[in-house]
């Protein structure tokens, strides 16, 4: 206790974060701050995935058509 009856200035420091809480807080802040950019990245990845998937499906149907044509 100080002479005026108050606790030391160190008592005003917030309690220590639990282990990993600071990292979690930083991640949440980063996600919140860059939400629009994250949405754009997710959309780009989805479009690329769908494009590759449709290309693969197209190749499969082309091969299936060749097989059917060869059999007939």
Protein backbone atom coordinates (compact mmCIF):
# COMPACT_ATOMS: atom_id res chain seq x y z
CA UNK A 1 0.00 0.00 0.00
CA UNK A 2 1.13 3.49 -0.76
CA UNK A 3 1.04 6.26 1.80
CA UNK A 4 -2.34 7.49 0.49
CA UNK A 5 -3.88 4.05 1.03
CA UNK A 6 -4.01 3.18 -2.66
CA UNK A 7 -2.52 0.10 -4.22
CA UNK A 8 0.61 0.50 -6.30
CA UNK A 9 0.24 1.68 -9.92
CA UNK A 10 1.05 -1.87 -11.00
CA UNK A 11 -2.34 -2.90 -9.64
CA UNK A 12 -3.94 -1.01 -12.54
CA UNK A 13 -2.30 -3.30 -15.09
CA UNK A 14 -4.85 -5.77 -16.46
CA UNK A 15 -4.33 -9.39 -15.46
CA UNK A 16 -2.13 -11.48 -17.70
CA UNK A 17 -3.80 -13.15 -20.63
CA UNK A 18 -4.25 -16.87 -20.48
CA UNK A 19 -1.86 -18.85 -22.62
CA UNK A 20 -2.86 -18.46 -26.28
CA UNK A 21 -5.42 -15.75 -25.62
CA UNK A 22 -3.26 -12.98 -27.09
CA UNK A 23 -2.76 -14.98 -30.29
CA UNK A 24 -6.49 -15.70 -30.49
CA UNK A 25 -7.28 -12.02 -30.00
CA UNK A 26 -4.78 -10.99 -32.68
CA UNK A 27 -6.26 -13.52 -35.14
CA UNK A 28 -9.78 -12.25 -34.48
CA UNK A 29 -8.65 -8.64 -34.95
CA UNK A 30 -6.89 -9.52 -38.21
CA UNK A 31 -9.92 -11.41 -39.52
CA UNK A 32 -12.22 -8.53 -38.62
CA UNK A 33 -9.93 -5.92 -40.17
CA UNK A 34 -9.42 -7.83 -43.41
CA UNK A 35 -12.82 -9.46 -43.78
CA UNK A 36 -13.46 -8.10 -47.30
CA UNK A 37 -10.09 -9.31 -48.58
CA UNK A 38 -10.69 -12.72 -47.02
CA UNK A 39 -14.05 -12.95 -48.77
CA UNK A 40 -12.38 -12.13 -52.08
CA UNK A 41 -9.74 -14.82 -51.56
CA UNK A 42 -12.42 -17.39 -50.69
CA UNK A 43 -14.42 -16.50 -53.81
CA UNK A 44 -11.33 -16.75 -56.03
CA UNK A 45 -10.45 -20.15 -54.57
CA UNK A 46 -14.01 -21.40 -55.08
CA UNK A 47 -14.09 -20.17 -58.68
CA UNK A 48 -10.76 -21.86 -59.42
CA UNK A 49 -11.96 -25.10 -57.83
CA UNK A 50 -15.23 -25.08 -59.77
CA UNK A 51 -13.39 -24.28 -63.02
CA UNK A 52 -11.02 -27.21 -62.54
CA UNK A 53 -13.89 -29.49 -61.57
CA UNK A 54 -15.92 -28.61 -64.66
CA UNK A 55 -12.84 -29.15 -66.85
CA UNK A 56 -12.36 -32.59 -65.34
CA UNK A 57 -16.04 -33.45 -65.83
CA UNK A 58 -15.85 -32.27 -69.45
CA UNK A 59 -12.84 -34.53 -70.08
CA UNK A 60 -14.64 -37.48 -68.50
CA UNK A 61 -17.69 -36.98 -70.71
CA UNK A 62 -15.49 -36.62 -73.81
CA UNK A 63 -13.79 -39.92 -72.97
CA UNK A 64 -17.16 -41.54 -72.27
CA UNK A 65 -18.44 -40.28 -75.63
CA UNK A 66 -15.42 -41.75 -77.42
CA UNK A 67 -15.97 -45.10 -75.70
CA UNK A 68 -19.64 -45.15 -76.65
CA UNK A 69 -18.81 -44.13 -80.22
CA UNK A 70 -16.16 -46.86 -80.45
CA UNK A 71 -18.60 -49.49 -79.18
CA UNK A 72 -21.33 -48.44 -81.59
